[in-house]
Amino acid sequence: MTTIPVTVVGAERLKDELHRLKHIERPAVVIAISEARAQGDLSENAEYDAAKEKQAFIEGRIQEIEGKLSAAQIIDPALIDADGKVVFGATVELEDLNTGNKMIYQIVGDDEADIEVNKISISSPIARALIRKEAGDVVKISTPGGEREVEIFAVQYI
């Protein structure tokens, strides 16, 4: 089985979601199904159908999260010693040499990626181009918007 890299924060979020699904969402949908059943004819009961559909989604999501957690390789960026190289979990400060825009990204797992909080997926074109580079390197990145050059100013493991 292939391991899935996840930061400590990402693993905690998955565990929190799993707990919520198992202990709040699942019992609530069981109650909704039993209340809908009590209304009688199930063939034309939209509430019953909706509750069963929600139950299927919840059970599927529980299985998905449990699978991810069982395959997770939890990485704490603060414990990484990569000699200044960009690795999974690193926070990288960059400057786009074409536009002069400065950016800070943390390289995280696919499930944790959220560009609005500057977390990019390890499988994104930017992260793939940055891996194993270090401060001072100029990196060419192929993106859907075209080729870009960025300079790495700092690499932190926080």
N, C-alpha and C. Protein backbone atom coordinates (compact mmCIF):
# COMPACT_ATOMS: atom_id res chain seq x y z
N MET A 1 0.83 -1.17 0.00
CA MET A 1 0.00 0.00 0.00
C MET A 1 0.89 1.25 0.00
N THR A 2 0.54 2.20 -0.78
CA THR A 2 1.28 3.44 -0.89
C THR A 2 0.96 4.35 0.28
N THR A 3 2.00 4.99 0.81
CA THR A 3 1.76 5.93 1.90
C THR A 3 1.37 7.29 1.33
N ILE A 4 0.60 8.02 2.11
CA ILE A 4 0.13 9.34 1.72
C ILE A 4 0.75 10.34 2.69
N PRO A 5 1.58 11.28 2.21
CA PRO A 5 2.16 12.25 3.13
C PRO A 5 1.10 13.24 3.62
N VAL A 6 1.09 13.48 4.92
CA VAL A 6 0.14 14.38 5.55
C VAL A 6 0.88 15.12 6.65
N THR A 7 0.63 16.42 6.78
CA THR A 7 1.22 17.16 7.90
C THR A 7 0.46 16.81 9.17
N VAL A 8 1.03 17.17 10.30
CA VAL A 8 0.37 16.92 11.58
C VAL A 8 -0.98 17.63 11.62
N VAL A 9 -1.02 18.86 11.15
CA VAL A 9 -2.27 19.63 11.13
C VAL A 9 -3.30 18.95 10.24
N GLY A 10 -2.88 18.48 9.07
CA GLY A 10 -3.79 17.79 8.15
C GLY A 10 -4.34 16.51 8.73
N ALA A 11 -3.50 15.75 9.44
CA ALA A 11 -3.95 14.52 10.07
C ALA A 11 -4.97 14.82 11.17
N GLU A 12 -4.73 15.89 11.94
CA GLU A 12 -5.68 16.27 12.98
C GLU A 12 -7.03 16.67 12.39
N ARG A 13 -7.00 17.38 11.27
CA ARG A 13 -8.26 17.77 10.62
C ARG A 13 -9.03 16.55 10.15
N LEU A 14 -8.32 15.57 9.57
CA LEU A 14 -8.99 14.34 9.14
C LEU A 14 -9.58 13.59 10.34
N LYS A 15 -8.83 13.52 11.43
CA LYS A 15 -9.33 12.84 12.63
C LYS A 15 -10.56 13.56 13.20
N ASP A 16 -10.52 14.89 13.20
CA ASP A 16 -11.68 15.66 13.68
C ASP A 16 -12.91 15.41 12.81
N GLU A 17 -12.70 15.40 11.48
CA GLU A 17 -13.83 15.15 10.58
C GLU A 17 -14.38 13.74 10.79
N LEU A 18 -13.50 12.77 10.96
CA LEU A 18 -13.92 11.39 11.19
C LEU A 18 -14.73 11.29 12.48
N HIS A 19 -14.27 11.94 13.52
CA HIS A 19 -15.00 11.93 14.80
C HIS A 19 -16.38 12.55 14.64
N ARG A 20 -16.44 13.69 13.94
CA ARG A 20 -17.73 14.37 13.72
C ARG A 20 -18.68 13.48 12.92
N LEU A 21 -18.15 12.84 11.88
CA LEU A 21 -19.01 11.97 11.06
C LEU A 21 -19.53 10.78 11.86
N LYS A 22 -18.67 10.16 12.65
CA LYS A 22 -19.07 8.97 13.39
C LYS A 22 -19.97 9.27 14.58
N HIS A 23 -19.71 10.38 15.26
CA HIS A 23 -20.40 10.62 16.53
C HIS A 23 -21.50 11.69 16.47
N ILE A 24 -21.57 12.43 15.38
CA ILE A 24 -22.62 13.45 15.26
C ILE A 24 -23.47 13.20 14.02
N GLU A 25 -22.84 13.14 12.85
CA GLU A 25 -23.58 13.00 11.59
C GLU A 25 -24.27 11.64 11.46
N ARG A 26 -23.52 10.57 11.73
CA ARG A 26 -24.09 9.22 11.58
C ARG A 26 -25.31 9.03 12.49
N PRO A 27 -25.23 9.32 13.79
CA PRO A 27 -26.42 9.15 14.64
C PRO A 27 -27.60 10.04 14.20
N ALA A 28 -27.30 11.25 13.73
CA ALA A 28 -28.38 12.15 13.29
C ALA A 28 -29.09 11.60 12.08
N VAL A 29 -28.37 11.01 11.15
CA VAL A 29 -29.02 10.48 9.95
C VAL A 29 -29.80 9.21 10.27
N VAL A 30 -29.35 8.43 11.25
CA VAL A 30 -30.10 7.25 11.67
C VAL A 30 -31.45 7.69 12.24
N ILE A 31 -31.45 8.74 13.02
CA ILE A 31 -32.70 9.28 13.58
C ILE A 31 -33.60 9.78 12.45
N ALA A 32 -33.02 10.49 11.48
CA ALA A 32 -33.80 11.01 10.35
C ALA A 32 -34.43 9.88 9.55
N ILE A 33 -33.70 8.79 9.36
CA ILE A 33 -34.24 7.64 8.62
C ILE A 33 -35.40 7.01 9.40
N SER A 34 -35.23 6.84 10.70
CA SER A 34 -36.30 6.21 11.48
C SER A 34 -37.54 7.11 11.53
N GLU A 35 -37.36 8.43 11.59
CA GLU A 35 -38.51 9.34 11.57
C GLU A 35 -39.21 9.30 10.21
N ALA A 36 -38.44 9.21 9.14
CA ALA A 36 -39.03 9.14 7.80
C ALA A 36 -39.78 7.81 7.61
N ARG A 37 -39.23 6.73 8.15
CA ARG A 37 -39.89 5.42 8.08
C ARG A 37 -41.24 5.45 8.79
N ALA A 38 -41.28 6.18 9.88
CA ALA A 38 -42.50 6.24 10.68
C ALA A 38 -43.64 6.93 9.95
N GLN A 39 -43.32 7.66 8.88
CA GLN A 39 -44.34 8.36 8.11
C GLN A 39 -45.12 7.45 7.18
N GLY A 40 -44.70 6.21 7.06
CA GLY A 40 -45.48 5.27 6.25
C GLY A 40 -44.82 4.91 4.94
N ASP A 41 -45.58 5.00 3.85
CA ASP A 41 -45.18 4.56 2.51
C ASP A 41 -43.81 5.12 2.12
N LEU A 42 -42.82 4.22 1.95
CA LEU A 42 -41.46 4.64 1.63
C LEU A 42 -41.25 4.91 0.14
N SER A 43 -42.15 4.41 -0.70
CA SER A 43 -41.96 4.56 -2.15
C SER A 43 -42.06 6.00 -2.62
N GLU A 44 -42.82 6.82 -1.90
CA GLU A 44 -42.96 8.22 -2.30
C GLU A 44 -42.53 9.16 -1.17
N ASN A 45 -41.57 8.72 -0.38
CA ASN A 45 -41.14 9.49 0.79
C ASN A 45 -39.80 10.16 0.48
N ALA A 46 -39.85 11.42 0.10
CA ALA A 46 -38.64 12.16 -0.28
C ALA A 46 -37.68 12.32 0.90
N GLU A 47 -38.21 12.49 2.10
CA GLU A 47 -37.36 12.64 3.28
C GLU A 47 -36.56 11.37 3.55
N TYR A 48 -37.21 10.23 3.35
CA TYR A 48 -36.54 8.95 3.53
C TYR A 48 -35.42 8.79 2.50
N ASP A 49 -35.73 9.09 1.23
CA ASP A 49 -34.72 9.00 0.17
C ASP A 49 -33.53 9.92 0.44
N ALA A 50 -33.81 11.14 0.87
CA ALA A 50 -32.73 12.10 1.16
C ALA A 50 -31.88 11.62 2.32
N ALA A 51 -32.52 11.09 3.36
CA ALA A 51 -31.77 10.61 4.52
C ALA A 51 -30.91 9.40 4.15
N LYS A 52 -31.44 8.50 3.33
CA LYS A 52 -30.66 7.33 2.89
C LYS A 52 -29.47 7.77 2.03
N GLU A 53 -29.71 8.77 1.19
CA GLU A 53 -28.63 9.29 0.34
C GLU A 53 -27.53 9.93 1.21
N LYS A 54 -27.94 10.68 2.22
CA LYS A 54 -26.98 11.30 3.13
C LYS A 54 -26.22 10.24 3.90
N GLN A 55 -26.92 9.18 4.31
CA GLN A 55 -26.27 8.10 5.03
C GLN A 55 -25.19 7.43 4.15
N ALA A 56 -25.52 7.23 2.90
CA ALA A 56 -24.54 6.62 1.98
C ALA A 56 -23.32 7.51 1.83
N PHE A 57 -23.53 8.82 1.72
CA PHE A 57 -22.42 9.76 1.61
C PHE A 57 -21.55 9.71 2.86
N ILE A 58 -22.18 9.74 4.03
CA ILE A 58 -21.44 9.73 5.30
C ILE A 58 -20.62 8.45 5.42
N GLU A 59 -21.22 7.31 5.14
CA GLU A 59 -20.51 6.04 5.24
C GLU A 59 -19.34 5.98 4.26
N GLY A 60 -19.55 6.50 3.06
CA GLY A 60 -18.47 6.54 2.07
C GLY A 60 -17.33 7.43 2.51
N ARG A 61 -17.67 8.60 3.07
CA ARG A 61 -16.65 9.53 3.54
C ARG A 61 -15.88 8.95 4.73
N ILE A 62 -16.58 8.24 5.62
CA ILE A 62 -15.92 7.59 6.76
C ILE A 62 -14.89 6.58 6.25
N GLN A 63 -15.28 5.76 5.28
CA GLN A 63 -14.36 4.77 4.72
C GLN A 63 -13.17 5.45 4.04
N GLU A 64 -13.43 6.54 3.33
CA GLU A 64 -12.36 7.27 2.64
C GLU A 64 -11.35 7.82 3.65
N ILE A 65 -11.84 8.46 4.71
CA ILE A 65 -10.95 9.05 5.71
C ILE A 65 -10.17 7.97 6.45
N GLU A 66 -10.85 6.88 6.82
CA GLU A 66 -10.15 5.79 7.51
C GLU A 66 -9.06 5.21 6.62
N GLY A 67 -9.32 5.09 5.33
CA GLY A 67 -8.30 4.61 4.40
C GLY A 67 -7.12 5.56 4.31
N LYS A 68 -7.40 6.85 4.25
CA LYS A 68 -6.32 7.85 4.18
C LYS A 68 -5.49 7.84 5.45
N LEU A 69 -6.15 7.77 6.60
CA LEU A 69 -5.41 7.77 7.86
C LEU A 69 -4.59 6.50 8.03
N SER A 70 -5.10 5.38 7.55
CA SER A 70 -4.33 4.13 7.68
C SER A 70 -3.11 4.13 6.77
N ALA A 71 -3.17 4.89 5.67
CA ALA A 71 -2.03 4.96 4.75
C ALA A 71 -1.18 6.22 4.98
N ALA A 72 -1.56 7.02 5.96
CA ALA A 72 -0.90 8.31 6.18
C ALA A 72 0.50 8.16 6.75
N GLN A 73 1.40 8.94 6.19
CA GLN A 73 2.73 9.12 6.77
C GLN A 73 2.71 10.55 7.32
N ILE A 74 2.53 10.66 8.62
CA ILE A 74 2.37 11.98 9.25
C ILE A 74 3.75 12.61 9.42
N ILE A 75 3.88 13.81 8.85
CA ILE A 75 5.16 14.51 8.85
C ILE A 75 5.01 15.83 9.58
N ASP A 76 5.87 16.05 10.56
CA ASP A 76 5.89 17.31 11.31
C ASP A 76 6.98 18.18 10.71
N PRO A 77 6.61 19.26 10.01
CA PRO A 77 7.62 20.12 9.36
C PRO A 77 8.65 20.65 10.35
N ALA A 78 8.28 20.87 11.60
CA ALA A 78 9.21 21.41 12.59
C ALA A 78 10.34 20.43 12.91
N LEU A 79 10.14 19.16 12.64
CA LEU A 79 11.16 18.14 12.94
C LEU A 79 12.02 17.78 11.72
N ILE A 80 11.77 18.45 10.61
CA ILE A 80 12.51 18.14 9.39
C ILE A 80 13.88 18.80 9.41
N ASP A 81 14.89 18.04 9.01
CA ASP A 81 16.23 18.61 8.83
C ASP A 81 16.64 18.27 7.40
N ALA A 82 16.34 19.18 6.48
CA ALA A 82 16.60 18.92 5.06
C ALA A 82 17.70 19.82 4.51
N ASP A 83 18.52 20.38 5.39
CA ASP A 83 19.65 21.23 4.98
C ASP A 83 19.22 22.36 4.05
N GLY A 84 18.08 22.97 4.32
CA GLY A 84 17.64 24.12 3.53
C GLY A 84 16.98 23.78 2.22
N LYS A 85 16.78 22.51 1.94
CA LYS A 85 16.13 22.10 0.70
C LYS A 85 14.62 22.12 0.86
N VAL A 86 13.92 22.33 -0.24
CA VAL A 86 12.47 22.30 -0.25
C VAL A 86 12.03 20.84 -0.23
N VAL A 87 11.24 20.48 0.79
CA VAL A 87 10.70 19.13 0.94
C VAL A 87 9.25 19.26 1.36
N PHE A 88 8.56 18.12 1.44
CA PHE A 88 7.18 18.12 1.90
C PHE A 88 7.11 18.77 3.27
N GLY A 89 6.13 19.66 3.44
CA GLY A 89 5.93 20.35 4.71
C GLY A 89 6.66 21.67 4.82
N ALA A 90 7.62 21.91 3.94
CA ALA A 90 8.40 23.15 4.01
C ALA A 90 7.54 24.35 3.61
N THR A 91 7.88 25.50 4.18
CA THR A 91 7.28 26.77 3.80
C THR A 91 8.32 27.52 2.98
N VAL A 92 7.92 27.94 1.78
CA VAL A 92 8.86 28.51 0.83
C VAL A 92 8.46 29.93 0.47
N GLU A 93 9.43 30.85 0.56
CA GLU A 93 9.20 32.23 0.16
C GLU A 93 9.81 32.43 -1.23
N LEU A 94 8.97 32.89 -2.16
CA LEU A 94 9.37 33.01 -3.56
C LEU A 94 9.11 34.40 -4.10
N GLU A 95 9.78 34.70 -5.22
CA GLU A 95 9.43 35.88 -5.99
C GLU A 95 9.31 35.47 -7.45
N ASP A 96 8.18 35.82 -8.05
CA ASP A 96 7.97 35.57 -9.47
C ASP A 96 8.81 36.59 -10.23
N LEU A 97 9.80 36.12 -10.97
CA LEU A 97 10.72 37.03 -11.66
C LEU A 97 10.06 37.74 -12.83
N ASN A 98 8.95 37.21 -13.34
CA ASN A 98 8.24 37.86 -14.45
C ASN A 98 7.40 39.04 -13.96
N THR A 99 6.79 38.90 -12.78
CA THR A 99 5.87 39.93 -12.29
C THR A 99 6.39 40.70 -11.07
N GLY A 100 7.37 40.13 -10.37
CA GLY A 100 7.86 40.74 -9.14
C GLY A 100 7.01 40.42 -7.93
N ASN A 101 5.95 39.62 -8.10
CA ASN A 101 5.08 39.24 -6.98
C ASN A 101 5.82 38.31 -6.03
N LYS A 102 5.68 38.58 -4.73
CA LYS A 102 6.27 37.70 -3.72
C LYS A 102 5.17 36.79 -3.18
N MET A 103 5.53 35.54 -2.93
CA MET A 103 4.57 34.55 -2.47
C MET A 103 5.20 33.70 -1.37
N ILE A 104 4.38 33.20 -0.49
CA ILE A 104 4.82 32.24 0.52
C ILE A 104 3.86 31.06 0.44
N TYR A 105 4.41 29.86 0.24
CA TYR A 105 3.60 28.65 0.15
C TYR A 105 4.14 27.60 1.10
N GLN A 106 3.22 26.82 1.67
CA GLN A 106 3.61 25.61 2.38
C GLN A 106 3.22 24.44 1.49
N ILE A 107 4.11 23.49 1.36
CA ILE A 107 3.85 22.31 0.53
C ILE A 107 3.23 21.24 1.42
N VAL A 108 2.00 20.85 1.08
CA VAL A 108 1.22 19.93 1.91
C VAL A 108 0.64 18.80 1.06
N GLY A 109 -0.08 17.90 1.70
CA GLY A 109 -0.74 16.80 1.00
C GLY A 109 -1.92 17.28 0.17
N ASP A 110 -2.38 16.43 -0.72
CA ASP A 110 -3.48 16.79 -1.63
C ASP A 110 -4.73 17.22 -0.88
N ASP A 111 -5.07 16.55 0.22
CA ASP A 111 -6.28 16.88 0.97
C ASP A 111 -6.17 18.18 1.74
N GLU A 112 -4.96 18.61 2.01
CA GLU A 112 -4.74 19.82 2.81
C GLU A 112 -4.63 21.08 1.97
N ALA A 113 -4.41 20.92 0.68
CA ALA A 113 -4.14 22.07 -0.19
C ALA A 113 -5.29 23.07 -0.15
N ASP A 114 -4.94 24.34 0.01
CA ASP A 114 -5.91 25.43 0.02
C ASP A 114 -5.17 26.70 -0.35
N ILE A 115 -5.28 27.11 -1.58
CA ILE A 115 -4.52 28.24 -2.09
C ILE A 115 -4.86 29.53 -1.35
N GLU A 116 -6.06 29.62 -0.79
CA GLU A 116 -6.45 30.82 -0.06
C GLU A 116 -5.65 31.02 1.22
N VAL A 117 -5.09 29.95 1.76
CA VAL A 117 -4.23 30.07 2.94
C VAL A 117 -2.78 29.67 2.59
N ASN A 118 -2.45 29.76 1.31
CA ASN A 118 -1.10 29.55 0.80
C ASN A 118 -0.55 28.15 1.05
N LYS A 119 -1.43 27.15 0.96
CA LYS A 119 -1.00 25.76 1.07
C LYS A 119 -1.20 25.10 -0.28
N ILE A 120 -0.09 24.63 -0.87
CA ILE A 120 -0.19 24.01 -2.19
C ILE A 120 0.11 22.52 -2.09
N SER A 121 -0.53 21.77 -2.96
CA SER A 121 -0.39 20.32 -2.98
C SER A 121 0.99 19.90 -3.46
N ILE A 122 1.51 18.85 -2.85
CA ILE A 122 2.79 18.28 -3.26
C ILE A 122 2.77 17.85 -4.72
N SER A 123 1.57 17.58 -5.24
CA SER A 123 1.47 17.13 -6.63
C SER A 123 1.21 18.28 -7.61
N SER A 124 1.18 19.52 -7.12
CA SER A 124 0.97 20.67 -8.01
C SER A 124 2.24 20.95 -8.82
N PRO A 125 2.10 21.58 -9.99
CA PRO A 125 3.28 21.89 -10.80
C PRO A 125 4.31 22.76 -10.06
N ILE A 126 3.83 23.70 -9.26
CA ILE A 126 4.75 24.57 -8.52
C ILE A 126 5.55 23.75 -7.51
N ALA A 127 4.87 22.94 -6.71
CA ALA A 127 5.56 22.14 -5.69
C ALA A 127 6.52 21.15 -6.31
N ARG A 128 6.10 20.49 -7.38
CA ARG A 128 6.99 19.51 -8.03
C ARG A 128 8.26 20.17 -8.54
N ALA A 129 8.14 21.40 -9.05
CA ALA A 129 9.32 22.11 -9.55
C ALA A 129 10.23 22.56 -8.41
N LEU A 130 9.66 22.85 -7.23
CA LEU A 130 10.44 23.38 -6.12
C LEU A 130 11.16 22.31 -5.30
N ILE A 131 10.64 21.09 -5.30
CA ILE A 131 11.20 20.02 -4.47
C ILE A 131 12.69 19.85 -4.76
N ARG A 132 13.47 19.74 -3.68
CA ARG A 132 14.93 19.56 -3.68
C ARG A 132 15.71 20.81 -4.08
N LYS A 133 15.04 21.94 -4.27
CA LYS A 133 15.74 23.20 -4.54
C LYS A 133 16.01 23.88 -3.20
N GLU A 134 16.77 24.97 -3.22
CA GLU A 134 17.08 25.68 -1.97
C GLU A 134 17.11 27.18 -2.21
N ALA A 135 17.24 27.95 -1.11
CA ALA A 135 17.26 29.41 -1.20
C ALA A 135 18.35 29.86 -2.17
N GLY A 136 18.00 30.82 -3.01
CA GLY A 136 18.93 31.33 -4.01
C GLY A 136 18.73 30.71 -5.39
N ASP A 137 18.07 29.57 -5.45
CA ASP A 137 17.84 28.91 -6.74
C ASP A 137 16.75 29.64 -7.53
N VAL A 138 16.95 29.69 -8.85
CA VAL A 138 15.93 30.18 -9.76
C VAL A 138 15.33 28.94 -10.42
N VAL A 139 14.00 28.85 -10.37
CA VAL A 139 13.32 27.64 -10.82
C VAL A 139 12.33 27.99 -11.92
N LYS A 140 12.35 27.21 -13.00
CA LYS A 140 11.35 27.35 -14.07
C LYS A 140 10.19 26.44 -13.74
N ILE A 141 8.99 27.02 -13.81
CA ILE A 141 7.78 26.26 -13.49
C ILE A 141 6.85 26.30 -14.69
N SER A 142 6.43 25.14 -15.13
CA SER A 142 5.42 25.05 -16.19
C SER A 142 4.06 25.00 -15.54
N THR A 143 3.24 26.01 -15.81
CA THR A 143 1.89 26.06 -15.26
C THR A 143 0.90 26.13 -16.42
N PRO A 144 -0.38 25.92 -16.13
CA PRO A 144 -1.38 26.04 -17.19
C PRO A 144 -1.37 27.43 -17.84
N GLY A 145 -0.94 28.44 -17.08
CA GLY A 145 -0.88 29.79 -17.60
C GLY A 145 0.41 30.09 -18.37
N GLY A 146 1.28 29.12 -18.47
CA GLY A 146 2.54 29.30 -19.19
C GLY A 146 3.74 29.10 -18.28
N GLU A 147 4.91 29.27 -18.86
CA GLU A 147 6.16 29.09 -18.14
C GLU A 147 6.44 30.30 -17.25
N ARG A 148 6.88 30.04 -16.01
CA ARG A 148 7.22 31.11 -15.07
C ARG A 148 8.57 30.81 -14.45
N GLU A 149 9.28 31.86 -14.08
CA GLU A 149 10.52 31.70 -13.33
C GLU A 149 10.35 32.33 -11.97
N VAL A 150 10.74 31.59 -10.94
CA VAL A 150 10.67 32.10 -9.58
C VAL A 150 12.03 31.94 -8.92
N GLU A 151 12.31 32.84 -8.00
CA GLU A 151 13.52 32.73 -7.20
C GLU A 151 13.11 32.39 -5.78
N ILE A 152 13.79 31.43 -5.19
CA ILE A 152 13.52 31.02 -3.82
C ILE A 152 14.33 31.91 -2.89
N PHE A 153 13.65 32.61 -1.97
CA PHE A 153 14.33 33.47 -1.02
C PHE A 153 14.59 32.78 0.31
N ALA A 154 13.65 31.97 0.75
CA ALA A 154 13.81 31.30 2.05
C ALA A 154 13.04 29.99 2.08
N VAL A 155 13.57 29.05 2.83
CA VAL A 155 12.91 27.77 3.07
C VAL A 155 12.88 27.57 4.57
N GLN A 156 11.67 27.38 5.10
CA GLN A 156 11.51 27.18 6.55
C GLN A 156 10.76 25.91 6.81
N TYR A 157 11.01 25.35 7.96
CA TYR A 157 10.33 24.11 8.39
C TYR A 157 9.57 24.44 9.66
N ILE A 158 8.38 25.03 9.49
CA ILE A 158 7.59 25.47 10.65
C ILE A 158 6.24 24.76 10.68
